[in-house]
Amino acid sequence: MSHTIIRGMRSKAALAVCGLTAATVIPLTTTGTAQAAPYCGIQWGSTTKAKAAYTSDTVRGVRTGRHACYDRLVIDLSGYGKSTGYHVQYVSAVRGPSGKAVPLAGAARLQIDVHAKATTSAGVPTYKPADRQRVANVTGYSTFRQVAYVASFEGQTTFGLGVRARLPMRVFVLQDPGGQRLVIDVAHKW
């Protein structure tokens, strides 16, 4: 036998000992660093999103929507004041002004503080959901598990959003003829 054939037989024997076939491909070296492509082009991250401004506008409604790559929460504001501020972050527990934790479904929780009140200057509620623990039906959503209205206190309104896991999110404000909308999008996966 030639030297090449003997070497080939030894290689097949070594593969057989390892439980592999000659068709198995085993990369011996790699070059560069492999990085997964962003999901749906999303590169938002999961760190705190905040804008300091306060507004005289008031919270008037909450709605949700499902999209191909993310679930969306929209908080509607009345009026045409300057663009409202917010503070949205993942927390171990969503807490209201009393400091008491609000129970939320899901493995992760977002505390959403809107820098706008949910009452008129006379103290009349501008937003009063029928069920504070479930202000929107998110049954069947990929990421959202529960949306809760926590409180409105000293010009700030707090919501809790229970999500499937700590996932990338983005926050922005839209202005339109009907008022402002605070939008929170949470991706379905990384």
N, C-alpha and C. Protein backbone atom coordinates (compact mmCIF):
# COMPACT_ATOMS: atom_id res chain seq x y z
N MET A 1 0.83 -1.19 0.00
CA MET A 1 0.00 0.00 0.00
C MET A 1 0.87 1.23 0.00
N SER A 2 0.32 2.23 -0.63
CA SER A 2 1.08 3.48 -0.65
C SER A 2 0.91 4.21 0.67
N HIS A 3 1.78 5.15 0.90
CA HIS A 3 1.80 5.92 2.13
C HIS A 3 0.48 6.71 2.29
N THR A 4 -0.09 7.26 1.21
CA THR A 4 -1.33 8.04 1.24
C THR A 4 -2.51 7.17 1.65
N ILE A 5 -2.59 5.96 1.13
CA ILE A 5 -3.70 5.06 1.45
C ILE A 5 -3.63 4.67 2.91
N ILE A 6 -2.46 4.35 3.43
CA ILE A 6 -2.30 3.97 4.84
C ILE A 6 -2.72 5.14 5.74
N ARG A 7 -2.32 6.37 5.39
CA ARG A 7 -2.69 7.54 6.18
C ARG A 7 -4.20 7.72 6.16
N GLY A 8 -4.84 7.50 5.00
CA GLY A 8 -6.29 7.59 4.90
C GLY A 8 -6.99 6.55 5.75
N MET A 9 -6.44 5.33 5.79
CA MET A 9 -7.03 4.28 6.61
C MET A 9 -6.90 4.63 8.09
N ARG A 10 -5.77 5.19 8.49
CA ARG A 10 -5.58 5.59 9.89
C ARG A 10 -6.58 6.69 10.26
N SER A 11 -6.82 7.63 9.34
CA SER A 11 -7.77 8.71 9.61
C SER A 11 -9.17 8.15 9.80
N LYS A 12 -9.56 7.19 8.94
CA LYS A 12 -10.89 6.57 9.07
C LYS A 12 -10.98 5.80 10.37
N ALA A 13 -9.92 5.13 10.77
CA ALA A 13 -9.92 4.39 12.02
C ALA A 13 -10.05 5.33 13.20
N ALA A 14 -9.37 6.46 13.15
CA ALA A 14 -9.45 7.44 14.23
C ALA A 14 -10.86 8.02 14.32
N LEU A 15 -11.47 8.27 13.18
CA LEU A 15 -12.84 8.79 13.17
C LEU A 15 -13.80 7.76 13.75
N ALA A 16 -13.60 6.49 13.41
CA ALA A 16 -14.47 5.43 13.91
C ALA A 16 -14.38 5.33 15.42
N VAL A 17 -13.17 5.46 15.98
CA VAL A 17 -12.99 5.42 17.43
C VAL A 17 -13.78 6.55 18.10
N CYS A 18 -13.84 7.71 17.47
CA CYS A 18 -14.56 8.86 18.02
C CYS A 18 -16.05 8.80 17.72
N GLY A 19 -16.49 7.79 16.98
CA GLY A 19 -17.90 7.67 16.65
C GLY A 19 -18.32 8.57 15.51
N LEU A 20 -17.40 8.96 14.67
CA LEU A 20 -17.69 9.86 13.56
C LEU A 20 -17.51 9.12 12.24
N THR A 21 -18.08 9.65 11.20
CA THR A 21 -17.89 9.09 9.87
C THR A 21 -16.97 10.00 9.08
N ALA A 22 -16.51 9.51 7.97
CA ALA A 22 -15.63 10.31 7.12
C ALA A 22 -16.34 11.53 6.58
N ALA A 23 -17.67 11.51 6.54
CA ALA A 23 -18.44 12.64 6.02
C ALA A 23 -18.60 13.76 7.05
N THR A 24 -18.28 13.48 8.32
CA THR A 24 -18.41 14.50 9.36
C THR A 24 -17.37 15.58 9.15
N VAL A 25 -17.81 16.82 9.23
CA VAL A 25 -16.90 17.94 9.05
C VAL A 25 -16.57 18.50 10.42
N ILE A 26 -15.29 18.59 10.71
CA ILE A 26 -14.85 19.14 11.99
C ILE A 26 -13.92 20.30 11.70
N PRO A 27 -14.40 21.53 11.97
CA PRO A 27 -13.51 22.66 11.74
C PRO A 27 -12.39 22.66 12.78
N LEU A 28 -11.17 22.83 12.32
CA LEU A 28 -10.04 22.82 13.23
C LEU A 28 -9.69 24.20 13.73
N THR A 29 -9.91 25.20 12.92
CA THR A 29 -9.61 26.56 13.34
C THR A 29 -10.71 27.48 12.82
N THR A 30 -10.84 28.60 13.48
CA THR A 30 -11.78 29.63 13.03
C THR A 30 -11.04 30.95 12.95
N THR A 31 -11.52 31.79 12.11
CA THR A 31 -10.91 33.11 12.00
C THR A 31 -11.99 34.15 12.28
N GLY A 32 -11.63 35.20 12.97
CA GLY A 32 -12.59 36.27 13.26
C GLY A 32 -13.51 35.87 14.40
N THR A 33 -14.45 36.75 14.71
CA THR A 33 -15.42 36.52 15.76
C THR A 33 -16.80 36.45 15.14
N ALA A 34 -17.51 35.38 15.42
CA ALA A 34 -18.86 35.22 14.88
C ALA A 34 -19.82 36.06 15.69
N GLN A 35 -20.69 36.81 15.03
CA GLN A 35 -21.71 37.61 15.69
C GLN A 35 -23.03 37.34 15.00
N ALA A 36 -24.06 37.15 15.81
CA ALA A 36 -25.38 36.93 15.25
C ALA A 36 -25.90 38.23 14.66
N ALA A 37 -26.61 38.12 13.57
CA ALA A 37 -27.23 39.31 12.98
C ALA A 37 -28.33 39.78 13.90
N PRO A 38 -28.56 41.09 14.01
CA PRO A 38 -29.61 41.57 14.88
C PRO A 38 -30.97 41.07 14.41
N TYR A 39 -31.82 40.74 15.36
CA TYR A 39 -33.17 40.25 15.08
C TYR A 39 -33.97 41.37 14.43
N CYS A 40 -34.44 41.16 13.23
CA CYS A 40 -35.24 42.14 12.48
C CYS A 40 -34.52 43.49 12.35
N GLY A 41 -33.21 43.50 12.47
CA GLY A 41 -32.46 44.75 12.40
C GLY A 41 -32.52 45.55 13.69
N ILE A 42 -33.12 44.99 14.74
CA ILE A 42 -33.27 45.69 16.02
C ILE A 42 -31.93 45.76 16.74
N GLN A 43 -31.55 46.96 17.14
CA GLN A 43 -30.32 47.17 17.89
C GLN A 43 -30.59 48.11 19.07
N TRP A 44 -31.72 47.92 19.74
CA TRP A 44 -32.16 48.85 20.79
C TRP A 44 -31.46 48.67 22.12
N GLY A 45 -31.19 47.46 22.53
CA GLY A 45 -30.64 47.21 23.86
C GLY A 45 -31.73 47.21 24.92
N SER A 46 -31.34 46.93 26.16
CA SER A 46 -32.33 46.84 27.23
C SER A 46 -32.02 47.78 28.39
N THR A 47 -31.21 48.78 28.14
CA THR A 47 -30.87 49.74 29.20
C THR A 47 -31.98 50.78 29.35
N THR A 48 -31.91 51.54 30.43
CA THR A 48 -32.90 52.57 30.75
C THR A 48 -33.01 53.59 29.62
N LYS A 49 -34.26 53.97 29.32
CA LYS A 49 -34.54 55.02 28.34
C LYS A 49 -35.21 56.15 29.11
N ALA A 50 -34.72 57.39 28.95
CA ALA A 50 -35.26 58.50 29.73
C ALA A 50 -35.17 59.82 28.98
N LYS A 51 -36.13 60.68 29.28
CA LYS A 51 -36.16 62.06 28.79
C LYS A 51 -36.73 62.89 29.93
N ALA A 52 -36.07 63.97 30.32
CA ALA A 52 -36.39 64.68 31.55
C ALA A 52 -37.62 65.60 31.50
N ALA A 53 -38.10 66.00 30.36
CA ALA A 53 -39.16 67.01 30.26
C ALA A 53 -40.47 66.60 30.94
N TYR A 54 -41.17 67.59 31.49
CA TYR A 54 -42.52 67.40 32.03
C TYR A 54 -43.48 68.18 31.17
N THR A 55 -44.75 67.80 31.18
CA THR A 55 -45.75 68.46 30.36
C THR A 55 -47.02 68.70 31.16
N SER A 56 -47.84 69.63 30.70
CA SER A 56 -49.14 69.86 31.33
C SER A 56 -50.20 68.95 30.71
N ASP A 57 -49.84 68.20 29.68
CA ASP A 57 -50.76 67.24 29.07
C ASP A 57 -51.12 66.17 30.10
N THR A 58 -52.22 65.48 29.86
CA THR A 58 -52.66 64.44 30.78
C THR A 58 -52.81 63.09 30.06
N VAL A 59 -52.63 62.01 30.82
CA VAL A 59 -52.81 60.66 30.29
C VAL A 59 -54.30 60.47 30.05
N ARG A 60 -54.66 59.96 28.85
CA ARG A 60 -56.08 59.74 28.55
C ARG A 60 -56.40 58.33 28.07
N GLY A 61 -55.39 57.51 27.78
CA GLY A 61 -55.67 56.16 27.33
C GLY A 61 -54.42 55.34 27.15
N VAL A 62 -54.63 54.02 27.08
CA VAL A 62 -53.56 53.06 26.85
C VAL A 62 -54.05 52.04 25.84
N ARG A 63 -53.19 51.69 24.91
CA ARG A 63 -53.52 50.65 23.93
C ARG A 63 -52.27 49.88 23.57
N THR A 64 -52.46 48.71 23.01
CA THR A 64 -51.34 47.85 22.64
C THR A 64 -51.51 47.36 21.22
N GLY A 65 -50.42 46.86 20.65
CA GLY A 65 -50.47 46.29 19.31
C GLY A 65 -49.37 45.26 19.13
N ARG A 66 -49.62 44.33 18.23
CA ARG A 66 -48.64 43.29 17.91
C ARG A 66 -48.06 43.57 16.53
N HIS A 67 -46.76 43.46 16.42
CA HIS A 67 -46.06 43.65 15.15
C HIS A 67 -45.20 42.42 14.87
N ALA A 68 -44.64 42.33 13.70
CA ALA A 68 -43.87 41.15 13.30
C ALA A 68 -42.66 40.91 14.21
N CYS A 69 -42.02 41.97 14.68
CA CYS A 69 -40.77 41.82 15.43
C CYS A 69 -40.86 42.30 16.87
N TYR A 70 -41.95 42.96 17.25
CA TYR A 70 -42.06 43.51 18.61
C TYR A 70 -43.53 43.70 18.98
N ASP A 71 -43.77 43.84 20.29
CA ASP A 71 -45.08 44.22 20.81
C ASP A 71 -44.98 45.70 21.18
N ARG A 72 -46.10 46.43 21.04
CA ARG A 72 -46.10 47.88 21.25
C ARG A 72 -47.13 48.29 22.29
N LEU A 73 -46.71 49.17 23.20
CA LEU A 73 -47.59 49.81 24.17
C LEU A 73 -47.62 51.30 23.83
N VAL A 74 -48.84 51.87 23.73
CA VAL A 74 -48.99 53.29 23.44
C VAL A 74 -49.77 53.93 24.57
N ILE A 75 -49.22 55.00 25.13
CA ILE A 75 -49.91 55.77 26.16
C ILE A 75 -50.29 57.09 25.51
N ASP A 76 -51.62 57.31 25.38
CA ASP A 76 -52.13 58.52 24.74
C ASP A 76 -52.22 59.66 25.74
N LEU A 77 -51.78 60.84 25.31
CA LEU A 77 -51.82 62.05 26.13
C LEU A 77 -52.68 63.09 25.43
N SER A 78 -53.44 63.84 26.21
CA SER A 78 -54.24 64.92 25.63
C SER A 78 -53.44 66.21 25.64
N GLY A 79 -53.85 67.15 24.81
CA GLY A 79 -53.19 68.46 24.80
C GLY A 79 -52.04 68.54 23.83
N TYR A 80 -51.48 69.71 23.77
CA TYR A 80 -50.41 69.99 22.80
C TYR A 80 -49.21 70.64 23.46
N GLY A 81 -48.95 70.26 24.71
CA GLY A 81 -47.80 70.81 25.42
C GLY A 81 -46.50 70.35 24.79
N LYS A 82 -45.41 70.78 25.42
CA LYS A 82 -44.11 70.32 24.91
C LYS A 82 -44.03 68.81 25.05
N SER A 83 -43.16 68.21 24.30
CA SER A 83 -43.01 66.76 24.28
C SER A 83 -42.77 66.23 25.70
N THR A 84 -43.57 65.28 26.09
CA THR A 84 -43.49 64.76 27.46
C THR A 84 -42.22 63.95 27.70
N GLY A 85 -41.83 63.90 28.94
CA GLY A 85 -40.68 63.10 29.34
C GLY A 85 -41.13 61.75 29.87
N TYR A 86 -40.15 60.90 30.14
CA TYR A 86 -40.43 59.55 30.60
C TYR A 86 -39.18 58.96 31.21
N HIS A 87 -39.38 57.89 31.94
CA HIS A 87 -38.28 57.09 32.48
C HIS A 87 -38.75 55.64 32.43
N VAL A 88 -38.14 54.84 31.57
CA VAL A 88 -38.56 53.45 31.37
C VAL A 88 -37.35 52.57 31.62
N GLN A 89 -37.52 51.60 32.54
CA GLN A 89 -36.39 50.72 32.84
C GLN A 89 -36.88 49.37 33.36
N TYR A 90 -36.02 48.36 33.15
CA TYR A 90 -36.26 47.05 33.73
C TYR A 90 -35.96 47.15 35.23
N VAL A 91 -36.85 46.59 36.04
CA VAL A 91 -36.69 46.62 37.49
C VAL A 91 -37.00 45.23 38.06
N SER A 92 -36.55 44.99 39.28
CA SER A 92 -36.87 43.71 39.93
C SER A 92 -38.33 43.70 40.37
N ALA A 93 -38.87 44.88 40.70
CA ALA A 93 -40.29 45.01 41.06
C ALA A 93 -40.76 46.41 40.72
N VAL A 94 -41.92 46.52 40.08
CA VAL A 94 -42.52 47.83 39.80
C VAL A 94 -43.14 48.32 41.10
N ARG A 95 -42.87 49.58 41.44
CA ARG A 95 -43.37 50.14 42.70
C ARG A 95 -44.06 51.48 42.44
N GLY A 96 -45.13 51.68 43.19
CA GLY A 96 -45.85 52.94 43.14
C GLY A 96 -45.32 53.90 44.18
N PRO A 97 -46.00 55.04 44.37
CA PRO A 97 -45.55 56.04 45.35
C PRO A 97 -45.44 55.50 46.78
N SER A 98 -46.26 54.51 47.13
CA SER A 98 -46.22 53.94 48.48
C SER A 98 -45.01 53.03 48.69
N GLY A 99 -44.37 52.61 47.61
CA GLY A 99 -43.23 51.70 47.69
C GLY A 99 -43.63 50.24 47.62
N LYS A 100 -44.93 49.97 47.60
CA LYS A 100 -45.42 48.59 47.54
C LYS A 100 -45.22 48.04 46.13
N ALA A 101 -44.73 46.79 46.06
CA ALA A 101 -44.51 46.13 44.77
C ALA A 101 -45.84 45.77 44.13
N VAL A 102 -45.91 45.95 42.80
CA VAL A 102 -47.10 45.61 42.02
C VAL A 102 -46.84 44.26 41.35
N PRO A 103 -47.67 43.24 41.63
CA PRO A 103 -47.45 41.93 40.98
C PRO A 103 -47.74 42.00 39.49
N LEU A 104 -46.82 41.44 38.71
CA LEU A 104 -46.97 41.42 37.25
C LEU A 104 -46.61 40.04 36.72
N ALA A 105 -47.34 39.57 35.72
CA ALA A 105 -47.03 38.32 35.05
C ALA A 105 -45.79 38.51 34.18
N GLY A 106 -45.05 37.44 33.97
CA GLY A 106 -43.86 37.50 33.11
C GLY A 106 -42.58 37.37 33.92
N ALA A 107 -41.50 37.09 33.22
CA ALA A 107 -40.20 36.88 33.87
C ALA A 107 -39.43 38.18 34.06
N ALA A 108 -39.88 39.28 33.43
CA ALA A 108 -39.21 40.58 33.57
C ALA A 108 -40.27 41.66 33.66
N ARG A 109 -39.88 42.80 34.28
CA ARG A 109 -40.80 43.90 34.48
C ARG A 109 -40.21 45.22 34.05
N LEU A 110 -41.03 45.99 33.35
CA LEU A 110 -40.65 47.35 32.97
C LEU A 110 -41.48 48.33 33.80
N GLN A 111 -40.80 49.27 34.44
CA GLN A 111 -41.51 50.36 35.11
C GLN A 111 -41.50 51.54 34.16
N ILE A 112 -42.69 52.04 33.87
CA ILE A 112 -42.86 53.14 32.92
C ILE A 112 -43.38 54.34 33.69
N ASP A 113 -42.55 55.36 33.84
CA ASP A 113 -42.95 56.60 34.50
C ASP A 113 -43.12 57.66 33.41
N VAL A 114 -44.35 58.11 33.24
CA VAL A 114 -44.68 59.14 32.25
C VAL A 114 -44.71 60.48 32.99
N HIS A 115 -44.00 61.47 32.50
CA HIS A 115 -43.95 62.77 33.16
C HIS A 115 -45.16 63.61 32.78
N ALA A 116 -46.33 63.05 33.08
CA ALA A 116 -47.62 63.71 32.86
C ALA A 116 -48.59 63.11 33.86
N LYS A 117 -49.53 63.90 34.34
CA LYS A 117 -50.49 63.39 35.33
C LYS A 117 -51.69 62.75 34.65
N ALA A 118 -52.47 62.01 35.42
CA ALA A 118 -53.68 61.37 34.91
C ALA A 118 -54.92 61.97 35.58
N THR A 119 -54.80 63.24 35.93
CA THR A 119 -55.92 63.99 36.52
C THR A 119 -55.91 65.41 35.99
N THR A 120 -57.06 66.07 36.06
CA THR A 120 -57.13 67.49 35.71
C THR A 120 -56.55 68.29 36.87
N SER A 121 -56.43 69.60 36.68
CA SER A 121 -55.93 70.45 37.76
C SER A 121 -56.88 70.45 38.95
N ALA A 122 -58.15 70.09 38.73
CA ALA A 122 -59.13 69.99 39.81
C ALA A 122 -59.12 68.61 40.47
N GLY A 123 -58.26 67.70 40.01
CA GLY A 123 -58.16 66.37 40.60
C GLY A 123 -59.09 65.33 40.01
N VAL A 124 -59.79 65.66 38.93
CA VAL A 124 -60.69 64.71 38.28
C VAL A 124 -59.85 63.79 37.38
N PRO A 125 -60.02 62.46 37.51
CA PRO A 125 -59.22 61.54 36.70
C PRO A 125 -59.46 61.73 35.19
N THR A 126 -58.38 61.75 34.43
CA THR A 126 -58.47 61.78 32.97
C THR A 126 -58.28 60.37 32.40
N TYR A 127 -57.80 59.49 33.25
CA TYR A 127 -57.62 58.09 32.87
C TYR A 127 -58.03 57.23 34.05
N LYS A 128 -59.05 56.42 33.86
CA LYS A 128 -59.57 55.58 34.94
C LYS A 128 -59.97 54.23 34.34
N PRO A 129 -59.03 53.28 34.28
CA PRO A 129 -59.35 51.97 33.68
C PRO A 129 -60.30 51.17 34.56
N ALA A 130 -61.06 50.29 33.93
CA ALA A 130 -61.99 49.42 34.67
C ALA A 130 -61.23 48.46 35.59
N ASP A 131 -60.08 47.96 35.13
CA ASP A 131 -59.27 47.03 35.91
C ASP A 131 -57.83 47.54 35.90
N ARG A 132 -57.38 48.09 37.00
CA ARG A 132 -56.03 48.67 37.08
C ARG A 132 -54.93 47.62 36.86
N GLN A 133 -55.20 46.35 37.17
CA GLN A 133 -54.19 45.30 37.01
C GLN A 133 -54.06 44.82 35.57
N ARG A 134 -55.09 45.04 34.77
CA ARG A 134 -55.07 44.60 33.37
C ARG A 134 -55.74 45.68 32.52
N VAL A 135 -54.96 46.72 32.21
CA VAL A 135 -55.53 47.85 31.47
C VAL A 135 -55.63 47.59 29.98
N ALA A 136 -54.98 46.53 29.50
CA ALA A 136 -55.05 46.15 28.09
C ALA A 136 -55.00 44.63 28.01
N ASN A 137 -55.72 44.08 27.07
CA ASN A 137 -55.72 42.63 26.88
C ASN A 137 -54.52 42.26 25.99
N VAL A 138 -53.56 41.58 26.59
CA VAL A 138 -52.37 41.17 25.83
C VAL A 138 -52.30 39.65 25.68
N THR A 139 -53.42 38.99 25.79
CA THR A 139 -53.49 37.55 25.59
C THR A 139 -53.00 37.21 24.18
N GLY A 140 -52.10 36.25 24.07
CA GLY A 140 -51.58 35.82 22.78
C GLY A 140 -50.43 36.65 22.25
N TYR A 141 -50.01 37.68 22.97
CA TYR A 141 -48.86 38.48 22.52
C TYR A 141 -47.57 37.68 22.67
N SER A 142 -46.60 37.95 21.82
CA SER A 142 -45.33 37.23 21.86
C SER A 142 -44.48 37.63 23.07
N THR A 143 -44.51 38.90 23.44
CA THR A 143 -43.64 39.41 24.49
C THR A 143 -44.40 39.90 25.71
N PHE A 144 -45.45 40.68 25.53
CA PHE A 144 -46.20 41.24 26.66
C PHE A 144 -46.96 40.16 27.42
N ARG A 145 -47.00 40.31 28.75
CA ARG A 145 -47.76 39.40 29.60
C ARG A 145 -48.84 40.13 30.40
N GLN A 146 -48.59 41.40 30.77
CA GLN A 146 -49.57 42.16 31.56
C GLN A 146 -49.21 43.64 31.53
N VAL A 147 -50.25 44.48 31.46
CA VAL A 147 -50.08 45.93 31.55
C VAL A 147 -50.92 46.40 32.73
N ALA A 148 -50.29 47.07 33.71
CA ALA A 148 -51.00 47.54 34.90
C ALA A 148 -50.83 49.05 35.06
N TYR A 149 -51.90 49.69 35.54
CA TYR A 149 -51.85 51.11 35.90
C TYR A 149 -51.52 51.17 37.38
N VAL A 150 -50.40 51.78 37.74
CA VAL A 150 -49.94 51.79 39.12
C VAL A 150 -50.50 53.00 39.87
N ALA A 151 -50.19 54.21 39.40
CA ALA A 151 -50.63 55.41 40.10
C ALA A 151 -50.30 56.66 39.31
N SER A 152 -50.95 57.76 39.69
CA SER A 152 -50.59 59.08 39.19
C SER A 152 -50.40 59.96 40.41
N PHE A 153 -49.21 60.51 40.56
CA PHE A 153 -48.87 61.23 41.78
C PHE A 153 -47.85 62.32 41.46
N GLU A 154 -48.15 63.54 41.89
CA GLU A 154 -47.25 64.68 41.74
C GLU A 154 -46.75 64.85 40.30
N GLY A 155 -47.67 64.82 39.35
CA GLY A 155 -47.33 65.10 37.96
C GLY A 155 -46.69 63.96 37.21
N GLN A 156 -46.70 62.77 37.79
CA GLN A 156 -46.10 61.61 37.14
C GLN A 156 -47.07 60.43 37.22
N THR A 157 -47.19 59.70 36.12
CA THR A 157 -48.07 58.53 36.06
C THR A 157 -47.21 57.30 35.81
N THR A 158 -47.46 56.25 36.59
CA THR A 158 -46.65 55.04 36.51
C THR A 158 -47.48 53.86 36.02
N PHE A 159 -46.89 53.11 35.10
CA PHE A 159 -47.46 51.86 34.59
C PHE A 159 -46.43 50.76 34.80
N GLY A 160 -46.91 49.53 34.92
CA GLY A 160 -46.05 48.37 34.99
C GLY A 160 -46.32 47.50 33.77
N LEU A 161 -45.27 47.01 33.16
CA LEU A 161 -45.41 46.14 31.99
C LEU A 161 -44.66 44.84 32.27
N GLY A 162 -45.43 43.75 32.40
CA GLY A 162 -44.82 42.43 32.56
C GLY A 162 -44.51 41.86 31.19
N VAL A 163 -43.28 41.40 31.00
CA VAL A 163 -42.86 40.85 29.71
C VAL A 163 -42.26 39.46 29.89
N ARG A 164 -42.17 38.73 28.80
CA ARG A 164 -41.70 37.35 28.79
C ARG A 164 -40.28 37.22 29.34
N ALA A 165 -39.40 38.16 29.00
CA ALA A 165 -37.99 38.14 29.41
C ALA A 165 -37.43 39.55 29.24
N ARG A 166 -36.24 39.77 29.75
CA ARG A 166 -35.58 41.06 29.54
C ARG A 166 -35.12 41.10 28.09
N LEU A 167 -35.79 41.90 27.29
CA LEU A 167 -35.56 41.95 25.84
C LEU A 167 -35.29 43.39 25.42
N PRO A 168 -34.74 43.59 24.22
CA PRO A 168 -34.49 44.95 23.75
C PRO A 168 -35.78 45.76 23.70
N MET A 169 -35.66 47.05 24.03
CA MET A 169 -36.82 47.94 23.98
C MET A 169 -36.40 49.32 23.52
N ARG A 170 -37.38 50.05 22.99
CA ARG A 170 -37.14 51.44 22.61
C ARG A 170 -38.35 52.25 23.08
N VAL A 171 -38.12 53.55 23.27
CA VAL A 171 -39.17 54.46 23.74
C VAL A 171 -39.04 55.75 22.95
N PHE A 172 -40.19 56.29 22.50
CA PHE A 172 -40.18 57.57 21.81
C PHE A 172 -41.54 58.22 21.92
N VAL A 173 -41.59 59.53 21.64
CA VAL A 173 -42.84 60.30 21.70
C VAL A 173 -43.20 60.75 20.29
N LEU A 174 -44.47 60.57 19.94
CA LEU A 174 -45.00 61.05 18.66
C LEU A 174 -45.96 62.20 18.92
N GLN A 175 -45.91 63.21 18.09
CA GLN A 175 -46.84 64.33 18.16
C GLN A 175 -47.76 64.23 16.95
N ASP A 176 -49.05 64.42 17.17
CA ASP A 176 -49.98 64.47 16.05
C ASP A 176 -51.14 65.40 16.42
N PRO A 177 -52.06 65.67 15.50
CA PRO A 177 -53.15 66.61 15.79
C PRO A 177 -54.01 66.22 17.00
N GLY A 178 -54.04 64.93 17.35
CA GLY A 178 -54.84 64.49 18.50
C GLY A 178 -54.12 64.59 19.83
N GLY A 179 -52.87 64.95 19.84
CA GLY A 179 -52.08 65.04 21.06
C GLY A 179 -50.76 64.30 20.92
N GLN A 180 -50.24 63.85 22.03
CA GLN A 180 -48.97 63.12 22.04
C GLN A 180 -49.22 61.65 22.33
N ARG A 181 -48.26 60.83 21.90
CA ARG A 181 -48.30 59.40 22.21
C ARG A 181 -46.91 58.97 22.65
N LEU A 182 -46.85 58.36 23.84
CA LEU A 182 -45.61 57.76 24.31
C LEU A 182 -45.65 56.31 23.85
N VAL A 183 -44.62 55.89 23.10
CA VAL A 183 -44.58 54.56 22.50
C VAL A 183 -43.45 53.76 23.12
N ILE A 184 -43.79 52.55 23.58
CA ILE A 184 -42.79 51.62 24.12
C ILE A 184 -42.88 50.33 23.29
N ASP A 185 -41.81 49.99 22.60
CA ASP A 185 -41.73 48.77 21.82
C ASP A 185 -40.78 47.80 22.52
N VAL A 186 -41.18 46.53 22.63
CA VAL A 186 -40.32 45.51 23.21
C VAL A 186 -40.21 44.37 22.18
N ALA A 187 -38.96 44.06 21.81
CA ALA A 187 -38.70 43.05 20.78
C ALA A 187 -39.14 41.67 21.25
N HIS A 188 -39.46 40.80 20.28
CA HIS A 188 -39.83 39.42 20.60
C HIS A 188 -38.64 38.59 21.04
N LYS A 189 -37.45 38.93 20.56
CA LYS A 189 -36.25 38.21 20.98
C LYS A 189 -35.02 39.07 20.67
N TRP A 190 -33.87 38.62 21.10
CA TRP A 190 -32.61 39.34 20.85
C TRP A 190 -32.19 39.14 19.43
